[in-house]
Structure formats: C-alpha cells, structure tokens
Amino acid sequence: KRTPSRNKVRTREAAHAAWEQACRSRWRALHLAIKAKLEAVEVGIT
C-alpha cells in the first residue's frame, strides 16, 4: 500500500503491481530452493 520509503500511499494499480512483483519473486525463490535441494541430492552432498 505504501512506497518502500513509507512516505507515500501507492495507487491501487501500483499496489497491485508491487504485490505481483512479490509473488513473482517468491515463486522464483521456491524454484531455486527446490532446484538446489534436487541438485544437492543428485551430486551426493546430501
């Protein structure tokens, strides 16, 4: 709802865009975590 500096209120569209960005980031992090786990198993680290 607010800009990173917390000074300004975002428009509804800007707030939605920031939320979508956070969702994209979270999904990429999940992809990375699963990939790292599978690769660690594949090469025998764990």
ModelCIF file with pLDDT and N, C-alpha, C, O atoms, coordinates in Angstrom:
data_MODEL
#
_entry.id   MODEL 
#
_entity.id                         1 
_entity.type                       polymer 
_entity.pdbx_number_of_molecules   1 
#
_entity_poly.entity_id                      1 
_entity_poly.type                           'polypeptide(L)' 
_entity_poly.nstd_linkage                   no 
_entity_poly.nstd_monomer                   no 
_entity_poly.pdbx_seq_one_letter_code       KRTPSRNKVRTREAAHAAWEQACRSRWRALHLAIKAKLEAVEVGIT 
_entity_poly.pdbx_seq_one_letter_code_can   KRTPSRNKVRTREAAHAAWEQACRSRWRALHLAIKAKLEAVEVGIT 
_entity_poly.pdbx_strand_id                 A 
#
loop_
_entity_poly_seq.entity_id 
_entity_poly_seq.num 
_entity_poly_seq.mon_id 
_entity_poly_seq.hetero 
1 1  LYS n 
1 2  ARG n 
1 3  THR n 
1 4  PRO n 
1 5  SER n 
1 6  ARG n 
1 7  ASN n 
1 8  LYS n 
1 9  VAL n 
1 10 ARG n 
1 11 THR n 
1 12 ARG n 
1 13 GLU n 
1 14 ALA n 
1 15 ALA n 
1 16 HIS n 
1 17 ALA n 
1 18 ALA n 
1 19 TRP n 
1 20 GLU n 
1 21 GLN n 
1 22 ALA n 
1 23 CYS n 
1 24 ARG n 
1 25 SER n 
1 26 ARG n 
1 27 TRP n 
1 28 ARG n 
1 29 ALA n 
1 30 LEU n 
1 31 HIS n 
1 32 LEU n 
1 33 ALA n 
1 34 ILE n 
1 35 LYS n 
1 36 ALA n 
1 37 LYS n 
1 38 LEU n 
1 39 GLU n 
1 40 ALA n 
1 41 VAL n 
1 42 GLU n 
1 43 VAL n 
1 44 GLY n 
1 45 ILE n 
1 46 THR n 
#
_struct_asym.id          A 
_struct_asym.entity_id   1 
#
loop_
_ma_qa_metric.id 
_ma_qa_metric.mode 
_ma_qa_metric.name 
_ma_qa_metric.software_group_id 
_ma_qa_metric.type 
1 global pLDDT . pLDDT 
2 local  pLDDT . pLDDT 
#
_ma_qa_metric_global.metric_id      1 
_ma_qa_metric_global.metric_value   94.09 
_ma_qa_metric_global.model_id       1 
_ma_qa_metric_global.ordinal_id     1 
#
loop_
_ma_qa_metric_local.label_asym_id 
_ma_qa_metric_local.label_comp_id 
_ma_qa_metric_local.label_seq_id 
_ma_qa_metric_local.metric_id 
_ma_qa_metric_local.metric_value 
_ma_qa_metric_local.model_id 
_ma_qa_metric_local.ordinal_id 
A LYS 1  2 91.00 1 1  
A ARG 2  2 88.00 1 2  
A THR 3  2 85.00 1 3  
A PRO 4  2 81.00 1 4  
A SER 5  2 80.00 1 5  
A ARG 6  2 75.00 1 6  
A ASN 7  2 81.00 1 7  
A LYS 8  2 89.00 1 8  
A VAL 9  2 92.00 1 9  
A ARG 10 2 91.00 1 10 
A THR 11 2 92.00 1 11 
A ARG 12 2 94.00 1 12 
A GLU 13 2 95.00 1 13 
A ALA 14 2 94.00 1 14 
A ALA 15 2 94.00 1 15 
A HIS 16 2 95.00 1 16 
A ALA 17 2 95.00 1 17 
A ALA 18 2 94.00 1 18 
A TRP 19 2 95.00 1 19 
A GLU 20 2 96.00 1 20 
A GLN 21 2 95.00 1 21 
A ALA 22 2 95.00 1 22 
A CYS 23 2 96.00 1 23 
A ARG 24 2 96.00 1 24 
A SER 25 2 96.00 1 25 
A ARG 26 2 96.00 1 26 
A TRP 27 2 97.00 1 27 
A ARG 28 2 98.00 1 28 
A ALA 29 2 97.00 1 29 
A LEU 30 2 98.00 1 30 
A HIS 31 2 98.00 1 31 
A LEU 32 2 98.00 1 32 
A ALA 33 2 98.00 1 33 
A ILE 34 2 98.00 1 34 
A LYS 35 2 98.00 1 35 
A ALA 36 2 98.00 1 36 
A LYS 37 2 98.00 1 37 
A LEU 38 2 98.00 1 38 
A GLU 39 2 98.00 1 39 
A ALA 40 2 98.00 1 40 
A VAL 41 2 98.00 1 41 
A GLU 42 2 97.00 1 42 
A VAL 43 2 98.00 1 43 
A GLY 44 2 98.00 1 44 
A ILE 45 2 98.00 1 45 
A THR 46 2 98.00 1 46 
#
loop_
_atom_site.group_PDB 
_atom_site.id 
_atom_site.type_symbol 
_atom_site.label_atom_id 
_atom_site.label_alt_id 
_atom_site.label_comp_id 
_atom_site.label_asym_id 
_atom_site.label_entity_id 
_atom_site.label_seq_id 
_atom_site.pdbx_PDB_ins_code 
_atom_site.Cartn_x 
_atom_site.Cartn_y 
_atom_site.Cartn_z 
_atom_site.occupancy 
_atom_site.B_iso_or_equiv 
_atom_site.pdbx_formal_charge 
_atom_site.auth_seq_id 
_atom_site.auth_comp_id 
_atom_site.auth_asym_id 
_atom_site.auth_atom_id 
_atom_site.pdbx_PDB_model_num 
ATOM 1   N N  . LYS A 1 1  ? 0.812  -1.221  0.000  1.00 91.00 ? 1  LYS A N  1 
ATOM 2   C CA . LYS A 1 1  ? 0.000  0.000   0.000  1.00 91.00 ? 1  LYS A CA 1 
ATOM 3   C C  . LYS A 1 1  ? 0.845  1.270   0.000  1.00 91.00 ? 1  LYS A C  1 
ATOM 4   O O  . LYS A 1 1  ? 0.401  2.323   -0.458 1.00 91.00 ? 1  LYS A O  1 
ATOM 5   N N  . ARG A 1 2  ? 2.067  1.158   0.520  1.00 88.00 ? 2  ARG A N  1 
ATOM 6   C CA . ARG A 1 2  ? 2.934  2.333   0.627  1.00 88.00 ? 2  ARG A CA 1 
ATOM 7   C C  . ARG A 1 2  ? 4.232  2.105   -0.128 1.00 88.00 ? 2  ARG A C  1 
ATOM 8   O O  . ARG A 1 2  ? 4.630  0.962   -0.355 1.00 88.00 ? 2  ARG A O  1 
ATOM 9   N N  . THR A 1 3  ? 4.888  3.184   -0.515 1.00 85.00 ? 3  THR A N  1 
ATOM 10  C CA . THR A 1 3  ? 6.183  3.087   -1.192 1.00 85.00 ? 3  THR A CA 1 
ATOM 11  C C  . THR A 1 3  ? 7.217  2.545   -0.204 1.00 85.00 ? 3  THR A C  1 
ATOM 12  O O  . THR A 1 3  ? 6.984  2.587   1.004  1.00 85.00 ? 3  THR A O  1 
ATOM 13  N N  . PRO A 1 4  ? 8.353  2.037   -0.689 1.00 81.00 ? 4  PRO A N  1 
ATOM 14  C CA . PRO A 1 4  ? 9.360  1.483   0.227  1.00 81.00 ? 4  PRO A CA 1 
ATOM 15  C C  . PRO A 1 4  ? 9.819  2.471   1.302  1.00 81.00 ? 4  PRO A C  1 
ATOM 16  O O  . PRO A 1 4  ? 10.141 2.061   2.417  1.00 81.00 ? 4  PRO A O  1 
ATOM 17  N N  . SER A 1 5  ? 9.851  3.742   0.986  1.00 80.00 ? 5  SER A N  1 
ATOM 18  C CA . SER A 1 5  ? 10.251 4.744   1.988  1.00 80.00 ? 5  SER A CA 1 
ATOM 19  C C  . SER A 1 5  ? 9.123  5.006   2.991  1.00 80.00 ? 5  SER A C  1 
ATOM 20  O O  . SER A 1 5  ? 9.335  5.658   4.013  1.00 80.00 ? 5  SER A O  1 
ATOM 21  N N  . ARG A 1 6  ? 7.932  4.496   2.694  1.00 75.00 ? 6  ARG A N  1 
ATOM 22  C CA . ARG A 1 6  ? 6.731  4.622   3.514  1.00 75.00 ? 6  ARG A CA 1 
ATOM 23  C C  . ARG A 1 6  ? 6.179  6.053   3.553  1.00 75.00 ? 6  ARG A C  1 
ATOM 24  O O  . ARG A 1 6  ? 5.290  6.363   4.346  1.00 75.00 ? 6  ARG A O  1 
ATOM 25  N N  . ASN A 1 7  ? 6.722  6.924   2.682  1.00 81.00 ? 7  ASN A N  1 
ATOM 26  C CA . ASN A 1 7  ? 6.278  8.316   2.653  1.00 81.00 ? 7  ASN A CA 1 
ATOM 27  C C  . ASN A 1 7  ? 4.963  8.491   1.913  1.00 81.00 ? 7  ASN A C  1 
ATOM 28  O O  . ASN A 1 7  ? 4.147  9.341   2.267  1.00 81.00 ? 7  ASN A O  1 
ATOM 29  N N  . LYS A 1 8  ? 4.766  7.680   0.885  1.00 89.00 ? 8  LYS A N  1 
ATOM 30  C CA . LYS A 1 8  ? 3.617  7.907   0.012  1.00 89.00 ? 8  LYS A CA 1 
ATOM 31  C C  . LYS A 1 8  ? 2.742  6.671   -0.069 1.00 89.00 ? 8  LYS A C  1 
ATOM 32  O O  . LYS A 1 8  ? 3.215  5.537   0.015  1.00 89.00 ? 8  LYS A O  1 
ATOM 33  N N  . VAL A 1 9  ? 1.446  6.925   -0.237 1.00 92.00 ? 9  VAL A N  1 
ATOM 34  C CA . VAL A 1 9  ? 0.487  5.850   -0.459 1.00 92.00 ? 9  VAL A CA 1 
ATOM 35  C C  . VAL A 1 9  ? 0.489  5.546   -1.954 1.00 92.00 ? 9  VAL A C  1 
ATOM 36  O O  . VAL A 1 9  ? 0.429  6.457   -2.779 1.00 92.00 ? 9  VAL A O  1 
ATOM 37  N N  . ARG A 1 10 ? 0.558  4.284   -2.292 1.00 91.00 ? 10 ARG A N  1 
ATOM 38  C CA . ARG A 1 10 ? 0.531  3.889   -3.702 1.00 91.00 ? 10 ARG A CA 1 
ATOM 39  C C  . ARG A 1 10 ? -0.896 3.913   -4.229 1.00 91.00 ? 10 ARG A C  1 
ATOM 40  O O  . ARG A 1 10 ? -1.859 3.759   -3.477 1.00 91.00 ? 10 ARG A O  1 
ATOM 41  N N  . THR A 1 11 ? -1.008 4.108   -5.522 1.00 92.00 ? 11 THR A N  1 
ATOM 42  C CA . THR A 1 11 ? -2.315 3.960   -6.162 1.00 92.00 ? 11 THR A CA 1 
ATOM 43  C C  . THR A 1 11 ? -2.694 2.488   -6.104 1.00 92.00 ? 11 THR A C  1 
ATOM 44  O O  . THR A 1 11 ? -1.837 1.636   -5.869 1.00 92.00 ? 11 THR A O  1 
ATOM 45  N N  . ARG A 1 12 ? -3.949 2.186   -6.313 1.00 94.00 ? 12 ARG A N  1 
ATOM 46  C CA . ARG A 1 12 ? -4.411 0.797   -6.321 1.00 94.00 ? 12 ARG A CA 1 
ATOM 47  C C  . ARG A 1 12 ? -3.636 -0.015  -7.354 1.00 94.00 ? 12 ARG A C  1 
ATOM 48  O O  . ARG A 1 12 ? -3.253 -1.155  -7.094 1.00 94.00 ? 12 ARG A O  1 
ATOM 49  N N  . GLU A 1 13 ? -3.405 0.574   -8.523 1.00 95.00 ? 13 GLU A N  1 
ATOM 50  C CA . GLU A 1 13 ? -2.669 -0.117  -9.594 1.00 95.00 ? 13 GLU A CA 1 
ATOM 51  C C  . GLU A 1 13 ? -1.219 -0.373  -9.199 1.00 95.00 ? 13 GLU A C  1 
ATOM 52  O O  . GLU A 1 13 ? -0.685 -1.453  -9.449 1.00 95.00 ? 13 GLU A O  1 
ATOM 53  N N  . ALA A 1 14 ? -0.586 0.619   -8.584 1.00 94.00 ? 14 ALA A N  1 
ATOM 54  C CA . ALA A 1 14 ? 0.807  0.473   -8.164 1.00 94.00 ? 14 ALA A CA 1 
ATOM 55  C C  . ALA A 1 14 ? 0.927  -0.553  -7.035 1.00 94.00 ? 14 ALA A C  1 
ATOM 56  O O  . ALA A 1 14 ? 1.889  -1.319  -6.989 1.00 94.00 ? 14 ALA A O  1 
ATOM 57  N N  . ALA A 1 15 ? -0.044 -0.566  -6.133 1.00 94.00 ? 15 ALA A N  1 
ATOM 58  C CA . ALA A 1 15 ? -0.034 -1.550  -5.049 1.00 94.00 ? 15 ALA A CA 1 
ATOM 59  C C  . ALA A 1 15 ? -0.181 -2.959  -5.620 1.00 94.00 ? 15 ALA A C  1 
ATOM 60  O O  . ALA A 1 15 ? 0.497  -3.888  -5.182 1.00 94.00 ? 15 ALA A O  1 
ATOM 61  N N  . HIS A 1 16 ? -1.057 -3.106  -6.584 1.00 95.00 ? 16 HIS A N  1 
ATOM 62  C CA . HIS A 1 16 ? -1.253 -4.418  -7.220 1.00 95.00 ? 16 HIS A CA 1 
ATOM 63  C C  . HIS A 1 16 ? 0.017  -4.854  -7.955 1.00 95.00 ? 16 HIS A C  1 
ATOM 64  O O  . HIS A 1 16 ? 0.398  -6.023  -7.897 1.00 95.00 ? 16 HIS A O  1 
ATOM 65  N N  . ALA A 1 17 ? 0.661  -3.928  -8.636 1.00 95.00 ? 17 ALA A N  1 
ATOM 66  C CA . ALA A 1 17 ? 1.906  -4.242  -9.349 1.00 95.00 ? 17 ALA A CA 1 
ATOM 67  C C  . ALA A 1 17 ? 3.003  -4.666  -8.367 1.00 95.00 ? 17 ALA A C  1 
ATOM 68  O O  . ALA A 1 17 ? 3.764  -5.591  -8.653 1.00 95.00 ? 17 ALA A O  1 
ATOM 69  N N  . ALA A 1 18 ? 3.087  -3.999  -7.217 1.00 94.00 ? 18 ALA A N  1 
ATOM 70  C CA . ALA A 1 18 ? 4.090  -4.364  -6.204 1.00 94.00 ? 18 ALA A CA 1 
ATOM 71  C C  . ALA A 1 18 ? 3.799  -5.745  -5.640 1.00 94.00 ? 18 ALA A C  1 
ATOM 72  O O  . ALA A 1 18 ? 4.720  -6.529  -5.414 1.00 94.00 ? 18 ALA A O  1 
ATOM 73  N N  . TRP A 1 19 ? 2.533  -6.046  -5.412 1.00 95.00 ? 19 TRP A N  1 
ATOM 74  C CA . TRP A 1 19 ? 2.141  -7.374  -4.926 1.00 95.00 ? 19 TRP A CA 1 
ATOM 75  C C  . TRP A 1 19 ? 2.478  -8.450  -5.963 1.00 95.00 ? 19 TRP A C  1 
ATOM 76  O O  . TRP A 1 19 ? 3.015  -9.501  -5.613 1.00 95.00 ? 19 TRP A O  1 
ATOM 77  N N  . GLU A 1 20 ? 2.168  -8.194  -7.226 1.00 96.00 ? 20 GLU A N  1 
ATOM 78  C CA . GLU A 1 20 ? 2.503  -9.151  -8.285 1.00 96.00 ? 20 GLU A CA 1 
ATOM 79  C C  . GLU A 1 20 ? 4.010  -9.389  -8.348 1.00 96.00 ? 20 GLU A C  1 
ATOM 80  O O  . GLU A 1 20 ? 4.448  -10.523 -8.544 1.00 96.00 ? 20 GLU A O  1 
ATOM 81  N N  . GLN A 1 21 ? 4.795  -8.345  -8.184 1.00 95.00 ? 21 GLN A N  1 
ATOM 82  C CA . GLN A 1 21 ? 6.251  -8.482  -8.190 1.00 95.00 ? 21 GLN A CA 1 
ATOM 83  C C  . GLN A 1 21 ? 6.699  -9.379  -7.033 1.00 95.00 ? 21 GLN A C  1 
ATOM 84  O O  . GLN A 1 21 ? 7.567  -10.233 -7.208 1.00 95.00 ? 21 GLN A O  1 
ATOM 85  N N  . ALA A 1 22 ? 6.112  -9.185  -5.867 1.00 95.00 ? 22 ALA A N  1 
ATOM 86  C CA . ALA A 1 22 ? 6.452  -10.015 -4.707 1.00 95.00 ? 22 ALA A CA 1 
ATOM 87  C C  . ALA A 1 22 ? 6.080  -11.481 -4.955 1.00 95.00 ? 22 ALA A C  1 
ATOM 88  O O  . ALA A 1 22 ? 6.807  -12.385 -4.544 1.00 95.00 ? 22 ALA A O  1 
ATOM 89  N N  . CYS A 1 23 ? 4.955  -11.711 -5.623 1.00 96.00 ? 23 CYS A N  1 
ATOM 90  C CA . CYS A 1 23 ? 4.555  -13.087 -5.963 1.00 96.00 ? 23 CYS A CA 1 
ATOM 91  C C  . CYS A 1 23 ? 5.555  -13.708 -6.936 1.00 96.00 ? 23 CYS A C  1 
ATOM 92  O O  . CYS A 1 23 ? 5.961  -14.858 -6.763 1.00 96.00 ? 23 CYS A O  1 
ATOM 93  N N  . ARG A 1 24 ? 5.949  -12.953 -7.952 1.00 96.00 ? 24 ARG A N  1 
ATOM 94  C CA . ARG A 1 24 ? 6.936  -13.479 -8.915 1.00 96.00 ? 24 ARG A CA 1 
ATOM 95  C C  . ARG A 1 24 ? 8.242  -13.825 -8.208 1.00 96.00 ? 24 ARG A C  1 
ATOM 96  O O  . ARG A 1 24 ? 8.835  -14.874 -8.461 1.00 96.00 ? 24 ARG A O  1 
ATOM 97  N N  . SER A 1 25 ? 8.681  -12.942 -7.327 1.00 96.00 ? 25 SER A N  1 
ATOM 98  C CA . SER A 1 25 ? 9.917  -13.165 -6.577 1.00 96.00 ? 25 SER A CA 1 
ATOM 99  C C  . SER A 1 25 ? 9.801  -14.415 -5.705 1.00 96.00 ? 25 SER A C  1 
ATOM 100 O O  . SER A 1 25 ? 10.720 -15.234 -5.673 1.00 96.00 ? 25 SER A O  1 
ATOM 101 N N  . ARG A 1 26 ? 8.703  -14.565 -5.013 1.00 96.00 ? 26 ARG A N  1 
ATOM 102 C CA . ARG A 1 26 ? 8.501  -15.713 -4.127 1.00 96.00 ? 26 ARG A CA 1 
ATOM 103 C C  . ARG A 1 26 ? 8.515  -17.019 -4.915 1.00 96.00 ? 26 ARG A C  1 
ATOM 104 O O  . ARG A 1 26 ? 9.135  -17.993 -4.490 1.00 96.00 ? 26 ARG A O  1 
ATOM 105 N N  . TRP A 1 27 ? 7.832  -17.046 -6.066 1.00 97.00 ? 27 TRP A N  1 
ATOM 106 C CA . TRP A 1 27 ? 7.819  -18.261 -6.894 1.00 97.00 ? 27 TRP A CA 1 
ATOM 107 C C  . TRP A 1 27 ? 9.225  -18.582 -7.413 1.00 97.00 ? 27 TRP A C  1 
ATOM 108 O O  . TRP A 1 27 ? 9.613  -19.749 -7.458 1.00 97.00 ? 27 TRP A O  1 
ATOM 109 N N  . ARG A 1 28 ? 9.990  -17.556 -7.806 1.00 98.00 ? 28 ARG A N  1 
ATOM 110 C CA . ARG A 1 28 ? 11.364 -17.814 -8.277 1.00 98.00 ? 28 ARG A CA 1 
ATOM 111 C C  . ARG A 1 28 ? 12.215 -18.376 -7.135 1.00 98.00 ? 28 ARG A C  1 
ATOM 112 O O  . ARG A 1 28 ? 13.043 -19.259 -7.356 1.00 98.00 ? 28 ARG A O  1 
ATOM 113 N N  . ALA A 1 29 ? 12.014 -17.867 -5.919 1.00 97.00 ? 29 ALA A N  1 
ATOM 114 C CA . ALA A 1 29 ? 12.757 -18.380 -4.766 1.00 97.00 ? 29 ALA A CA 1 
ATOM 115 C C  . ALA A 1 29 ? 12.397 -19.843 -4.497 1.00 97.00 ? 29 ALA A C  1 
ATOM 116 O O  . ALA A 1 29 ? 13.270 -20.647 -4.169 1.00 97.00 ? 29 ALA A O  1 
ATOM 117 N N  . LEU A 1 30 ? 11.129 -20.183 -4.635 1.00 98.00 ? 30 LEU A N  1 
ATOM 118 C CA . LEU A 1 30 ? 10.711 -21.582 -4.470 1.00 98.00 ? 30 LEU A CA 1 
ATOM 119 C C  . LEU A 1 30 ? 11.379 -22.464 -5.512 1.00 98.00 ? 30 LEU A C  1 
ATOM 120 O O  . LEU A 1 30 ? 11.868 -23.548 -5.193 1.00 98.00 ? 30 LEU A O  1 
ATOM 121 N N  . HIS A 1 31 ? 11.402 -22.007 -6.748 1.00 98.00 ? 31 HIS A N  1 
ATOM 122 C CA . HIS A 1 31 ? 12.057 -22.751 -7.825 1.00 98.00 ? 31 HIS A CA 1 
ATOM 123 C C  . HIS A 1 31 ? 13.530 -22.974 -7.482 1.00 98.00 ? 31 HIS A C  1 
ATOM 124 O O  . HIS A 1 31 ? 14.045 -24.083 -7.621 1.00 98.00 ? 31 HIS A O  1 
ATOM 125 N N  . LEU A 1 32 ? 14.200 -21.915 -7.035 1.00 98.00 ? 32 LEU A N  1 
ATOM 126 C CA . LEU A 1 32 ? 15.611 -22.015 -6.671 1.00 98.00 ? 32 LEU A CA 1 
ATOM 127 C C  . LEU A 1 32 ? 15.820 -23.008 -5.527 1.00 98.00 ? 32 LEU A C  1 
ATOM 128 O O  . LEU A 1 32 ? 16.740 -23.825 -5.580 1.00 98.00 ? 32 LEU A O  1 
ATOM 129 N N  . ALA A 1 33 ? 14.983 -22.946 -4.504 1.00 98.00 ? 33 ALA A N  1 
ATOM 130 C CA . ALA A 1 33 ? 15.128 -23.829 -3.347 1.00 98.00 ? 33 ALA A CA 1 
ATOM 131 C C  . ALA A 1 33 ? 14.971 -25.294 -3.742 1.00 98.00 ? 33 ALA A C  1 
ATOM 132 O O  . ALA A 1 33 ? 15.763 -26.141 -3.330 1.00 98.00 ? 33 ALA A O  1 
ATOM 133 N N  . ILE A 1 34 ? 13.956 -25.587 -4.535 1.00 98.00 ? 34 ILE A N  1 
ATOM 134 C CA . ILE A 1 34 ? 13.736 -26.975 -4.954 1.00 98.00 ? 34 ILE A CA 1 
ATOM 135 C C  . ILE A 1 34 ? 14.874 -27.438 -5.848 1.00 98.00 ? 34 ILE A C  1 
ATOM 136 O O  . ILE A 1 34 ? 15.360 -28.560 -5.707 1.00 98.00 ? 34 ILE A O  1 
ATOM 137 N N  . LYS A 1 35 ? 15.300 -26.582 -6.765 1.00 98.00 ? 35 LYS A N  1 
ATOM 138 C CA . LYS A 1 35 ? 16.410 -26.938 -7.656 1.00 98.00 ? 35 LYS A CA 1 
ATOM 139 C C  . LYS A 1 35 ? 17.678 -27.222 -6.857 1.00 98.00 ? 35 LYS A C  1 
ATOM 140 O O  . LYS A 1 35 ? 18.377 -28.198 -7.128 1.00 98.00 ? 35 LYS A O  1 
ATOM 141 N N  . ALA A 1 36 ? 17.976 -26.378 -5.881 1.00 98.00 ? 36 ALA A N  1 
ATOM 142 C CA . ALA A 1 36 ? 19.173 -26.576 -5.062 1.00 98.00 ? 36 ALA A CA 1 
ATOM 143 C C  . ALA A 1 36 ? 19.106 -27.884 -4.285 1.00 98.00 ? 36 ALA A C  1 
ATOM 144 O O  . ALA A 1 36 ? 20.102 -28.602 -4.196 1.00 98.00 ? 36 ALA A O  1 
ATOM 145 N N  . LYS A 1 37 ? 17.957 -28.196 -3.728 1.00 98.00 ? 37 LYS A N  1 
ATOM 146 C CA . LYS A 1 37 ? 17.794 -29.455 -2.992 1.00 98.00 ? 37 LYS A CA 1 
ATOM 147 C C  . LYS A 1 37 ? 17.983 -30.656 -3.916 1.00 98.00 ? 37 LYS A C  1 
ATOM 148 O O  . LYS A 1 37 ? 18.699 -31.597 -3.574 1.00 98.00 ? 37 LYS A O  1 
ATOM 149 N N  . LEU A 1 38 ? 17.352 -30.627 -5.070 1.00 98.00 ? 38 LEU A N  1 
ATOM 150 C CA . LEU A 1 38 ? 17.460 -31.749 -6.006 1.00 98.00 ? 38 LEU A CA 1 
ATOM 151 C C  . LEU A 1 38 ? 18.884 -31.920 -6.511 1.00 98.00 ? 38 LEU A C  1 
ATOM 152 O O  . LEU A 1 38 ? 19.357 -33.047 -6.661 1.00 98.00 ? 38 LEU A O  1 
ATOM 153 N N  . GLU A 1 39 ? 19.562 -30.830 -6.771 1.00 98.00 ? 39 GLU A N  1 
ATOM 154 C CA . GLU A 1 39 ? 20.946 -30.912 -7.249 1.00 98.00 ? 39 GLU A CA 1 
ATOM 155 C C  . GLU A 1 39 ? 21.875 -31.405 -6.141 1.00 98.00 ? 39 GLU A C  1 
ATOM 156 O O  . GLU A 1 39 ? 22.789 -32.186 -6.406 1.00 98.00 ? 39 GLU A O  1 
ATOM 157 N N  . ALA A 1 40 ? 21.654 -30.960 -4.905 1.00 98.00 ? 40 ALA A N  1 
ATOM 158 C CA . ALA A 1 40 ? 22.469 -31.441 -3.779 1.00 98.00 ? 40 ALA A CA 1 
ATOM 159 C C  . ALA A 1 40 ? 22.334 -32.948 -3.613 1.00 98.00 ? 40 ALA A C  1 
ATOM 160 O O  . ALA A 1 40 ? 23.313 -33.631 -3.312 1.00 98.00 ? 40 ALA A O  1 
ATOM 161 N N  . VAL A 1 41 ? 21.138 -33.464 -3.807 1.00 98.00 ? 41 VAL A N  1 
ATOM 162 C CA . VAL A 1 41 ? 20.913 -34.910 -3.748 1.00 98.00 ? 41 VAL A CA 1 
ATOM 163 C C  . VAL A 1 41 ? 21.596 -35.595 -4.930 1.00 98.00 ? 41 VAL A C  1 
ATOM 164 O O  . VAL A 1 41 ? 22.262 -36.617 -4.766 1.00 98.00 ? 41 VAL A O  1 
ATOM 165 N N  . GLU A 1 42 ? 21.425 -35.028 -6.113 1.00 97.00 ? 42 GLU A N  1 
ATOM 166 C CA . GLU A 1 42 ? 21.971 -35.617 -7.343 1.00 97.00 ? 42 GLU A CA 1 
ATOM 167 C C  . GLU A 1 42 ? 23.487 -35.785 -7.274 1.00 97.00 ? 42 GLU A C  1 
ATOM 168 O O  . GLU A 1 42 ? 24.010 -36.806 -7.720 1.00 97.00 ? 42 GLU A O  1 
ATOM 169 N N  . VAL A 1 43 ? 24.196 -34.810 -6.728 1.00 98.00 ? 43 VAL A N  1 
ATOM 170 C CA . VAL A 1 43 ? 25.662 -34.886 -6.694 1.00 98.00 ? 43 VAL A CA 1 
ATOM 171 C C  . VAL A 1 43 ? 26.196 -35.525 -5.413 1.00 98.00 ? 43 VAL A C  1 
ATOM 172 O O  . VAL A 1 43 ? 27.409 -35.652 -5.244 1.00 98.00 ? 43 VAL A O  1 
ATOM 173 N N  . GLY A 1 44 ? 25.298 -35.930 -4.507 1.00 98.00 ? 44 GLY A N  1 
ATOM 174 C CA . GLY A 1 44 ? 25.724 -36.665 -3.327 1.00 98.00 ? 44 GLY A CA 1 
ATOM 175 C C  . GLY A 1 44 ? 26.111 -35.827 -2.123 1.00 98.00 ? 44 GLY A C  1 
ATOM 176 O O  . GLY A 1 44 ? 26.732 -36.346 -1.195 1.00 98.00 ? 44 GLY A O  1 
ATOM 177 N N  . ILE A 1 45 ? 25.768 -34.559 -2.109 1.00 98.00 ? 45 ILE A N  1 
ATOM 178 C CA . ILE A 1 45 ? 26.057 -33.723 -0.939 1.00 98.00 ? 45 ILE A CA 1 
ATOM 179 C C  . ILE A 1 45 ? 25.207 -34.170 0.243  1.00 98.00 ? 45 ILE A C  1 
ATOM 180 O O  . ILE A 1 45 ? 25.663 -34.153 1.386  1.00 98.00 ? 45 ILE A O  1 
ATOM 181 N N  . THR A 1 46 ? 23.997 -34.560 -0.033 1.00 98.00 ? 46 THR A N  1 
ATOM 182 C CA . THR A 1 46 ? 23.039 -34.966 0.985  1.00 98.00 ? 46 THR A CA 1 
ATOM 183 C C  . THR A 1 46 ? 22.132 -36.041 0.393  1.00 98.00 ? 46 THR A C  1 
ATOM 184 O O  . THR A 1 46 ? 21.237 -36.539 1.076  1.00 98.00 ? 46 THR A O  1 
#
